[in-house]
Amino acid sequence: MQVEEALNDDDDLKVGYLIIVVNSLGVVMVALGTIYKPLIKLVRMLTSKHVHEGTLKGYKGDKGDEEGFVNYCQRLAVSSVSEAGWTEITVKE
């Protein structure tokens, strides 16, 4: 009788682990299904060809040049479309 109880306890433990694994897989599948479309859009945006014709290019100053970096950020914040090379994103339907 003790052997049967030990086997039943072992089976209960295996079933418990199996339920945990199945539930975890379900959570992962829901999470991946939720972020799939935004992730695909991001990858497409990053892999598309970018064109930058503006006069305001990236900051290439020294690491310790905080004043130059702040000036660059201020110019970028108030820049126009033609100066910074911004483009409007059109919505595809």
PDB file of N, CA and C in Angstrom:
ATOM      1  N   MET A   1       0.812  -1.188   0.000  1.00  0.00           N
ATOM      2  CA  MET A   1       0.000   0.000   0.000  1.00  0.00           C
ATOM      3  C   MET A   1       0.862   1.260   0.000  1.00  0.00           C
ATOM      4  N   GLN A   2       1.961   1.245   0.694  1.00  0.00           N
ATOM      5  CA  GLN A   2       2.837   2.408   0.749  1.00  0.00           C
ATOM      6  C   GLN A   2       3.486   2.676  -0.605  1.00  0.00           C
ATOM      7  N   VAL A   3       3.781   1.631  -1.355  1.00  0.00           N
ATOM      8  CA  VAL A   3       4.391   1.792  -2.665  1.00  0.00           C
ATOM      9  C   VAL A   3       3.412   2.480  -3.614  1.00  0.00           C
ATOM     10  N   GLU A   4       2.146   2.099  -3.563  1.00  0.00           N
ATOM     11  CA  GLU A   4       1.138   2.717  -4.426  1.00  0.00           C
ATOM     12  C   GLU A   4       0.958   4.191  -4.094  1.00  0.00           C
ATOM     13  N   GLU A   5       0.986   4.536  -2.807  1.00  0.00           N
ATOM     14  CA  GLU A   5       0.851   5.936  -2.401  1.00  0.00           C
ATOM     15  C   GLU A   5       2.044   6.756  -2.886  1.00  0.00           C
ATOM     16  N   ALA A   6       3.236   6.178  -2.815  1.00  0.00           N
ATOM     17  CA  ALA A   6       4.431   6.881  -3.280  1.00  0.00           C
ATOM     18  C   ALA A   6       4.359   7.103  -4.790  1.00  0.00           C
ATOM     19  N   LEU A   7       3.879   6.111  -5.522  1.00  0.00           N
ATOM     20  CA  LEU A   7       3.741   6.256  -6.969  1.00  0.00           C
ATOM     21  C   LEU A   7       2.692   7.312  -7.317  1.00  0.00           C
ATOM     22  N   ASN A   8       1.589   7.341  -6.566  1.00  0.00           N
ATOM     23  CA  ASN A   8       0.548   8.342  -6.803  1.00  0.00           C
ATOM     24  C   ASN A   8       1.056   9.748  -6.516  1.00  0.00           C
ATOM     25  N   ASP A   9       1.846   9.896  -5.449  1.00  0.00           N
ATOM     26  CA  ASP A   9       2.418  11.205  -5.123  1.00  0.00           C
ATOM     27  C   ASP A   9       3.375  11.649  -6.226  1.00  0.00           C
ATOM     28  N   ASP A  10       4.145  10.699  -6.749  1.00  0.00           N
ATOM     29  CA  ASP A  10       5.078  11.009  -7.833  1.00  0.00           C
ATOM     30  C   ASP A  10       4.321  11.418  -9.097  1.00  0.00           C
ATOM     31  N   ASP A  11       3.224  10.729  -9.391  1.00  0.00           N
ATOM     32  CA  ASP A  11       2.398  11.078 -10.552  1.00  0.00           C
ATOM     33  C   ASP A  11       1.772  12.456 -10.386  1.00  0.00           C
ATOM     34  N   ASP A  12       1.323  12.765  -9.176  1.00  0.00           N
ATOM     35  CA  ASP A  12       0.755  14.091  -8.914  1.00  0.00           C
ATOM     36  C   ASP A  12       1.793  15.183  -9.157  1.00  0.00           C
ATOM     37  N   LEU A  13       3.020  14.926  -8.757  1.00  0.00           N
ATOM     38  CA  LEU A  13       4.091  15.905  -8.945  1.00  0.00           C
ATOM     39  C   LEU A  13       4.368  16.103 -10.438  1.00  0.00           C
ATOM     40  N   LYS A  14       4.385  15.016 -11.199  1.00  0.00           N
ATOM     41  CA  LYS A  14       4.614  15.109 -12.641  1.00  0.00           C
ATOM     42  C   LYS A  14       3.489  15.876 -13.322  1.00  0.00           C
ATOM     43  N   VAL A  15       2.262  15.612 -12.930  1.00  0.00           N
ATOM     44  CA  VAL A  15       1.114  16.322 -13.503  1.00  0.00           C
ATOM     45  C   VAL A  15       1.188  17.808 -13.150  1.00  0.00           C
ATOM     46  N   GLY A  16       1.597  18.109 -11.942  1.00  0.00           N
ATOM     47  CA  GLY A  16       1.746  19.508 -11.530  1.00  0.00           C
ATOM     48  C   GLY A  16       2.774  20.237 -12.380  1.00  0.00           C
ATOM     49  N   TYR A  17       3.928  19.604 -12.606  1.00  0.00           N
ATOM     50  CA  TYR A  17       4.957  20.202 -13.458  1.00  0.00           C
ATOM     51  C   TYR A  17       4.452  20.359 -14.895  1.00  0.00           C
ATOM     52  N   LEU A  18       3.717  19.384 -15.373  1.00  0.00           N
ATOM     53  CA  LEU A  18       3.176  19.455 -16.728  1.00  0.00           C
ATOM     54  C   LEU A  18       2.201  20.625 -16.871  1.00  0.00           C
ATOM     55  N   ILE A  19       1.364  20.831 -15.869  1.00  0.00           N
ATOM     56  CA  ILE A  19       0.411  21.952 -15.891  1.00  0.00           C
ATOM     57  C   ILE A  19       1.160  23.282 -15.884  1.00  0.00           C
ATOM     58  N   ILE A  20       2.220  23.376 -15.090  1.00  0.00           N
ATOM     59  CA  ILE A  20       3.021  24.610 -15.044  1.00  0.00           C
ATOM     60  C   ILE A  20       3.644  24.888 -16.409  1.00  0.00           C
ATOM     61  N   VAL A  21       4.186  23.855 -17.049  1.00  0.00           N
ATOM     62  CA  VAL A  21       4.815  24.030 -18.359  1.00  0.00           C
ATOM     63  C   VAL A  21       3.778  24.454 -19.398  1.00  0.00           C
ATOM     64  N   VAL A  22       2.626  23.820 -19.408  1.00  0.00           N
ATOM     65  CA  VAL A  22       1.583  24.154 -20.380  1.00  0.00           C
ATOM     66  C   VAL A  22       1.093  25.585 -20.173  1.00  0.00           C
ATOM     67  N   ASN A  23       0.893  25.983 -18.932  1.00  0.00           N
ATOM     68  CA  ASN A  23       0.454  27.361 -18.653  1.00  0.00           C
ATOM     69  C   ASN A  23       1.523  28.377 -19.063  1.00  0.00           C
ATOM     70  N   SER A  24       2.779  28.056 -18.806  1.00  0.00           N
ATOM     71  CA  SER A  24       3.864  28.959 -19.188  1.00  0.00           C
ATOM     72  C   SER A  24       3.934  29.113 -20.704  1.00  0.00           C
ATOM     73  N   LEU A  25       3.772  28.017 -21.427  1.00  0.00           N
ATOM     74  CA  LEU A  25       3.762  28.095 -22.884  1.00  0.00           C
ATOM     75  C   LEU A  25       2.592  28.937 -23.383  1.00  0.00           C
ATOM     76  N   GLY A  26       1.458  28.830 -22.741  1.00  0.00           N
ATOM     77  CA  GLY A  26       0.301  29.642 -23.109  1.00  0.00           C
ATOM     78  C   GLY A  26       0.569  31.131 -22.908  1.00  0.00           C
ATOM     79  N   VAL A  27       1.211  31.476 -21.806  1.00  0.00           N
ATOM     80  CA  VAL A  27       1.540  32.880 -21.533  1.00  0.00           C
ATOM     81  C   VAL A  27       2.520  33.400 -22.578  1.00  0.00           C
ATOM     82  N   VAL A  28       3.524  32.610 -22.914  1.00  0.00           N
ATOM     83  CA  VAL A  28       4.503  33.022 -23.919  1.00  0.00           C
ATOM     84  C   VAL A  28       3.827  33.205 -25.274  1.00  0.00           C
ATOM     85  N   MET A  29       2.931  32.309 -25.643  1.00  0.00           N
ATOM     86  CA  MET A  29       2.243  32.422 -26.930  1.00  0.00           C
ATOM     87  C   MET A  29       1.372  33.677 -26.992  1.00  0.00           C
ATOM     88  N   VAL A  30       0.688  33.994 -25.913  1.00  0.00           N
ATOM     89  CA  VAL A  30      -0.144  35.206 -25.886  1.00  0.00           C
ATOM     90  C   VAL A  30       0.737  36.453 -25.975  1.00  0.00           C
ATOM     91  N   ALA A  31       1.848  36.459 -25.250  1.00  0.00           N
ATOM     92  CA  ALA A  31       2.754  37.610 -25.281  1.00  0.00           C
ATOM     93  C   ALA A  31       3.336  37.804 -26.680  1.00  0.00           C
ATOM     94  N   LEU A  32       3.773  36.737 -27.313  1.00  0.00           N
ATOM     95  CA  LEU A  32       4.320  36.846 -28.667  1.00  0.00           C
ATOM     96  C   LEU A  32       3.249  37.261 -29.672  1.00  0.00           C
ATOM     97  N   GLY A  33       2.039  36.774 -29.503  1.00  0.00           N
ATOM     98  CA  GLY A  33       0.952  37.167 -30.386  1.00  0.00           C
ATOM     99  C   GLY A  33       0.604  38.634 -30.245  1.00  0.00           C
ATOM    100  N   THR A  34       0.781  39.177 -29.052  1.00  0.00           N
ATOM    101  CA  THR A  34       0.469  40.575 -28.799  1.00  0.00           C
ATOM    102  C   THR A  34       1.510  41.505 -29.413  1.00  0.00           C
ATOM    103  N   ILE A  35       2.785  41.147 -29.307  1.00  0.00           N
ATOM    104  CA  ILE A  35       3.835  42.046 -29.791  1.00  0.00           C
ATOM    105  C   ILE A  35       4.271  41.724 -31.214  1.00  0.00           C
ATOM    106  N   TYR A  36       3.645  40.773 -31.869  1.00  0.00           N
ATOM    107  CA  TYR A  36       4.080  40.349 -33.194  1.00  0.00           C
ATOM    108  C   TYR A  36       3.958  41.468 -34.231  1.00  0.00           C
ATOM    109  N   LYS A  37       2.787  42.072 -34.349  1.00  0.00           N
ATOM    110  CA  LYS A  37       2.578  43.100 -35.377  1.00  0.00           C
ATOM    111  C   LYS A  37       3.439  44.341 -35.142  1.00  0.00           C
ATOM    112  N   PRO A  38       3.494  44.896 -33.926  1.00  0.00           N
ATOM    113  CA  PRO A  38       4.375  46.054 -33.725  1.00  0.00           C
ATOM    114  C   PRO A  38       5.845  45.717 -33.975  1.00  0.00           C
ATOM    115  N   LEU A  39       6.253  44.512 -33.620  1.00  0.00           N
ATOM    116  CA  LEU A  39       7.642  44.112 -33.829  1.00  0.00           C
ATOM    117  C   LEU A  39       7.954  44.006 -35.321  1.00  0.00           C
ATOM    118  N   ILE A  40       7.036  43.463 -36.104  1.00  0.00           N
ATOM    119  CA  ILE A  40       7.232  43.358 -37.552  1.00  0.00           C
ATOM    120  C   ILE A  40       7.297  44.762 -38.173  1.00  0.00           C
ATOM    121  N   LYS A  41       6.434  45.681 -37.735  1.00  0.00           N
ATOM    122  CA  LYS A  41       6.466  47.052 -38.251  1.00  0.00           C
ATOM    123  C   LYS A  41       7.788  47.728 -37.927  1.00  0.00           C
ATOM    124  N   LEU A  42       8.298  47.518 -36.713  1.00  0.00           N
ATOM    125  CA  LEU A  42       9.567  48.101 -36.311  1.00  0.00           C
ATOM    126  C   LEU A  42      10.710  47.558 -37.162  1.00  0.00           C
ATOM    127  N   VAL A  43      10.722  46.259 -37.394  1.00  0.00           N
ATOM    128  CA  VAL A  43      11.773  45.655 -38.207  1.00  0.00           C
ATOM    129  C   VAL A  43      11.714  46.187 -39.633  1.00  0.00           C
ATOM    130  N   ARG A  44      10.529  46.328 -40.183  1.00  0.00           N
ATOM    131  CA  ARG A  44      10.391  46.865 -41.537  1.00  0.00           C
ATOM    132  C   ARG A  44      10.879  48.313 -41.619  1.00  0.00           C
ATOM    133  N   MET A  45      10.575  49.112 -40.599  1.00  0.00           N
ATOM    134  CA  MET A  45      11.026  50.500 -40.591  1.00  0.00           C
ATOM    135  C   MET A  45      12.550  50.574 -40.510  1.00  0.00           C
ATOM    136  N   LEU A  46      13.140  49.722 -39.682  1.00  0.00           N
ATOM    137  CA  LEU A  46      14.590  49.759 -39.509  1.00  0.00           C
ATOM    138  C   LEU A  46      15.342  49.222 -40.715  1.00  0.00           C
ATOM    139  N   THR A  47      14.734  48.316 -41.452  1.00  0.00           N
ATOM    140  CA  THR A  47      15.420  47.740 -42.605  1.00  0.00           C
ATOM    141  C   THR A  47      15.156  48.499 -43.894  1.00  0.00           C
ATOM    142  N   SER A  48      14.245  49.464 -43.866  1.00  0.00           N
ATOM    143  CA  SER A  48      13.970  50.232 -45.080  1.00  0.00           C
ATOM    144  C   SER A  48      15.086  51.252 -45.310  1.00  0.00           C
ATOM    145  N   LYS A  49      15.217  51.696 -46.556  1.00  0.00           N
ATOM    146  CA  LYS A  49      16.249  52.655 -46.913  1.00  0.00           C
ATOM    147  C   LYS A  49      15.883  54.027 -46.360  1.00  0.00           C
ATOM    148  N   HIS A  50      16.825  54.633 -45.655  1.00  0.00           N
ATOM    149  CA  HIS A  50      16.598  55.954 -45.077  1.00  0.00           C
ATOM    150  C   HIS A  50      17.356  56.994 -45.890  1.00  0.00           C
ATOM    151  N   VAL A  51      16.707  58.101 -46.147  1.00  0.00           N
ATOM    152  CA  VAL A  51      17.334  59.197 -46.873  1.00  0.00           C
ATOM    153  C   VAL A  51      17.321  60.414 -45.964  1.00  0.00           C
ATOM    154  N   HIS A  52      18.462  61.064 -45.852  1.00  0.00           N
ATOM    155  CA  HIS A  52      18.566  62.234 -44.994  1.00  0.00           C
ATOM    156  C   HIS A  52      19.227  63.351 -45.781  1.00  0.00           C
ATOM    157  N   GLU A  53      18.436  64.341 -46.153  1.00  0.00           N
ATOM    158  CA  GLU A  53      18.950  65.442 -46.966  1.00  0.00           C
ATOM    159  C   GLU A  53      19.059  66.747 -46.166  1.00  0.00           C
ATOM    160  N   GLY A  54      18.860  66.693 -44.873  1.00  0.00           N
ATOM    161  CA  GLY A  54      18.894  67.916 -44.076  1.00  0.00           C
ATOM    162  C   GLY A  54      20.303  68.412 -43.826  1.00  0.00           C
ATOM    163  N   THR A  55      20.411  69.672 -43.412  1.00  0.00           N
ATOM    164  CA  THR A  55      21.719  70.261 -43.120  1.00  0.00           C
ATOM    165  C   THR A  55      22.190  69.921 -41.719  1.00  0.00           C
ATOM    166  N   LEU A  56      21.291  69.558 -40.843  1.00  0.00           N
ATOM    167  CA  LEU A  56      21.631  69.248 -39.461  1.00  0.00           C
ATOM    168  C   LEU A  56      21.921  67.751 -39.357  1.00  0.00           C
ATOM    169  N   LYS A  57      23.174  67.397 -39.277  1.00  0.00           N
ATOM    170  CA  LYS A  57      23.571  65.989 -39.222  1.00  0.00           C
ATOM    171  C   LYS A  57      23.770  65.569 -37.767  1.00  0.00           C
ATOM    172  N   GLY A  58      24.197  64.349 -37.552  1.00  0.00           N
ATOM    173  CA  GLY A  58      24.413  63.839 -36.197  1.00  0.00           C
ATOM    174  C   GLY A  58      25.518  64.568 -35.456  1.00  0.00           C
ATOM    175  N   TYR A  59      25.480  64.515 -34.144  1.00  0.00           N
ATOM    176  CA  TYR A  59      26.466  65.188 -33.303  1.00  0.00           C
ATOM    177  C   TYR A  59      27.761  64.392 -33.299  1.00  0.00           C
ATOM    178  N   LYS A  60      28.869  65.078 -33.622  1.00  0.00           N
ATOM    179  CA  LYS A  60      30.164  64.393 -33.664  1.00  0.00           C
ATOM    180  C   LYS A  60      31.183  65.115 -32.800  1.00  0.00           C
ATOM    181  N   GLY A  61      30.765  65.624 -31.670  1.00  0.00           N
ATOM    182  CA  GLY A  61      31.674  66.335 -30.797  1.00  0.00           C
ATOM    183  C   GLY A  61      32.409  65.405 -29.848  1.00  0.00           C
ATOM    184  N   ASP A  62      33.230  65.995 -28.991  1.00  0.00           N
ATOM    185  CA  ASP A  62      33.972  65.226 -27.994  1.00  0.00           C
ATOM    186  C   ASP A  62      33.048  64.729 -26.903  1.00  0.00           C
ATOM    187  N   LYS A  63      33.510  63.690 -26.188  1.00  0.00           N
ATOM    188  CA  LYS A  63      32.687  63.140 -25.105  1.00  0.00           C
ATOM    189  C   LYS A  63      32.445  64.154 -23.994  1.00  0.00           C
ATOM    190  N   GLY A  64      33.432  64.930 -23.664  1.00  0.00           N
ATOM    191  CA  GLY A  64      33.309  65.873 -22.555  1.00  0.00           C
ATOM    192  C   GLY A  64      32.687  67.201 -22.939  1.00  0.00           C
ATOM    193  N   ASP A  65      32.333  67.386 -24.188  1.00  0.00           N
ATOM    194  CA  ASP A  65      31.794  68.658 -24.668  1.00  0.00           C
ATOM    195  C   ASP A  65      30.288  68.703 -24.428  1.00  0.00           C
ATOM    196  N   GLU A  66      29.899  68.928 -23.179  1.00  0.00           N
ATOM    197  CA  GLU A  66      28.477  68.947 -22.836  1.00  0.00           C
ATOM    198  C   GLU A  66      27.776  70.173 -23.416  1.00  0.00           C
ATOM    199  N   GLU A  67      28.457  71.302 -23.442  1.00  0.00           N
ATOM    200  CA  GLU A  67      27.840  72.523 -23.955  1.00  0.00           C
ATOM    201  C   GLU A  67      27.527  72.375 -25.449  1.00  0.00           C
ATOM    202  N   GLY A  68      28.448  71.786 -26.200  1.00  0.00           N
ATOM    203  CA  GLY A  68      28.208  71.575 -27.625  1.00  0.00           C
ATOM    204  C   GLY A  68      27.059  70.615 -27.863  1.00  0.00           C
ATOM    205  N   PHE A  69      26.963  69.583 -27.020  1.00  0.00           N
ATOM    206  CA  PHE A  69      25.866  68.620 -27.141  1.00  0.00           C
ATOM    207  C   PHE A  69      24.526  69.266 -26.829  1.00  0.00           C
ATOM    208  N   VAL A  70      24.486  70.089 -25.806  1.00  0.00           N
ATOM    209  CA  VAL A  70      23.245  70.786 -25.441  1.00  0.00           C
ATOM    210  C   VAL A  70      22.837  71.734 -26.567  1.00  0.00           C
ATOM    211  N   ASN A  71      23.798  72.449 -27.144  1.00  0.00           N
ATOM    212  CA  ASN A  71      23.486  73.340 -28.272  1.00  0.00           C
ATOM    213  C   ASN A  71      22.932  72.551 -29.453  1.00  0.00           C
ATOM    214  N   TYR A  72      23.533  71.396 -29.728  1.00  0.00           N
ATOM    215  CA  TYR A  72      23.048  70.560 -30.826  1.00  0.00           C
ATOM    216  C   TYR A  72      21.616  70.098 -30.557  1.00  0.00           C
ATOM    217  N   CYS A  73      21.329  69.660 -29.335  1.00  0.00           N
ATOM    218  CA  CYS A  73      19.976  69.202 -28.987  1.00  0.00           C
ATOM    219  C   CYS A  73      18.961  70.329 -29.108  1.00  0.00           C
ATOM    220  N   GLN A  74      19.359  71.530 -28.706  1.00  0.00           N
ATOM    221  CA  GLN A  74      18.455  72.673 -28.832  1.00  0.00           C
ATOM    222  C   GLN A  74      18.191  72.997 -30.299  1.00  0.00           C
ATOM    223  N   ARG A  75      19.222  72.956 -31.134  1.00  0.00           N
ATOM    224  CA  ARG A  75      19.025  73.192 -32.572  1.00  0.00           C
ATOM    225  C   ARG A  75      18.120  72.124 -33.167  1.00  0.00           C
ATOM    226  N   LEU A  76      18.310  70.887 -32.743  1.00  0.00           N
ATOM    227  CA  LEU A  76      17.500  69.790 -33.264  1.00  0.00           C
ATOM    228  C   LEU A  76      16.042  69.937 -32.838  1.00  0.00           C
ATOM    229  N   ALA A  77      15.804  70.374 -31.601  1.00  0.00           N
ATOM    230  CA  ALA A  77      14.439  70.500 -31.091  1.00  0.00           C
ATOM    231  C   ALA A  77      13.644  71.567 -31.834  1.00  0.00           C
ATOM    232  N   VAL A  78      14.301  72.627 -32.259  1.00  0.00           N
ATOM    233  CA  VAL A  78      13.588  73.719 -32.925  1.00  0.00           C
ATOM    234  C   VAL A  78      13.803  73.702 -34.436  1.00  0.00           C
ATOM    235  N   SER A  79      14.365  72.635 -34.959  1.00  0.00           N
ATOM    236  CA  SER A  79      14.677  72.571 -36.390  1.00  0.00           C
ATOM    237  C   SER A  79      13.416  72.389 -37.225  1.00  0.00           C
ATOM    238  N   SER A  80      13.529  72.812 -38.452  1.00  0.00           N
ATOM    239  CA  SER A  80      12.428  72.634 -39.388  1.00  0.00           C
ATOM    240  C   SER A  80      12.612  71.317 -40.138  1.00  0.00           C
ATOM    241  N   VAL A  81      11.642  70.993 -40.967  1.00  0.00           N
ATOM    242  CA  VAL A  81      11.700  69.750 -41.731  1.00  0.00           C
ATOM    243  C   VAL A  81      12.903  69.750 -42.663  1.00  0.00           C
ATOM    244  N   SER A  82      13.145  70.872 -43.319  1.00  0.00           N
ATOM    245  CA  SER A  82      14.253  70.922 -44.275  1.00  0.00           C
ATOM    246  C   SER A  82      15.610  70.921 -43.588  1.00  0.00           C
ATOM    247  N   GLU A  83      15.707  71.514 -42.394  1.00  0.00           N
ATOM    248  CA  GLU A  83      16.997  71.586 -41.698  1.00  0.00           C
ATOM    249  C   GLU A  83      17.392  70.242 -41.089  1.00  0.00           C
ATOM    250  N   ALA A  84      16.465  69.558 -40.457  1.00  0.00           N
ATOM    251  CA  ALA A  84      16.801  68.316 -39.766  1.00  0.00           C
ATOM    252  C   ALA A  84      16.572  67.083 -40.636  1.00  0.00           C
ATOM    253  N   GLY A  85      15.899  67.250 -41.755  1.00  0.00           N
ATOM    254  CA  GLY A  85      15.663  66.110 -42.628  1.00  0.00           C
ATOM    255  C   GLY A  85      14.530  65.232 -42.159  1.00  0.00           C
ATOM    256  N   TRP A  86      13.634  65.784 -41.351  1.00  0.00           N
ATOM    257  CA  TRP A  86      12.484  64.999 -40.890  1.00  0.00           C
ATOM    258  C   TRP A  86      11.556  64.705 -42.040  1.00  0.00           C
ATOM    259  N   THR A  87      10.873  63.595 -41.980  1.00  0.00           N
ATOM    260  CA  THR A  87       9.857  63.293 -42.978  1.00  0.00           C
ATOM    261  C   THR A  87       8.590  62.899 -42.252  1.00  0.00           C
ATOM    262  N   GLU A  88       7.469  63.148 -42.898  1.00  0.00           N
ATOM    263  CA  GLU A  88       6.196  62.759 -42.317  1.00  0.00           C
ATOM    264  C   GLU A  88       5.932  61.298 -42.648  1.00  0.00           C
ATOM    265  N   ILE A  89       5.409  60.556 -41.682  1.00  0.00           N
ATOM    266  CA  ILE A  89       5.091  59.155 -41.880  1.00  0.00           C
ATOM    267  C   ILE A  89       3.640  59.073 -42.329  1.00  0.00           C
ATOM    268  N   THR A  90       3.418  58.487 -43.477  1.00  0.00           N
ATOM    269  CA  THR A  90       2.060  58.336 -43.971  1.00  0.00           C
ATOM    270  C   THR A  90       1.488  57.006 -43.484  1.00  0.00           C
ATOM    271  N   VAL A  91       0.221  57.007 -43.176  1.00  0.00           N
ATOM    272  CA  VAL A  91      -0.439  55.817 -42.679  1.00  0.00           C
ATOM    273  C   VAL A  91      -0.854  54.954 -43.851  1.00  0.00           C
ATOM    274  N   LYS A  92      -0.456  53.679 -43.827  1.00  0.00           N
ATOM    275  CA  LYS A  92      -0.856  52.752 -44.863  1.00  0.00           C
ATOM    276  C   LYS A  92      -2.080  51.980 -44.373  1.00  0.00           C
ATOM    277  N   GLU A  93      -3.063  51.894 -45.205  1.00  0.00           N
ATOM    278  CA  GLU A  93      -4.277  51.185 -44.804  1.00  0.00           C
ATOM    279  C   GLU A  93      -4.448  49.930 -45.582  1.00  0.00           C
TER     280      GLU A  93
END
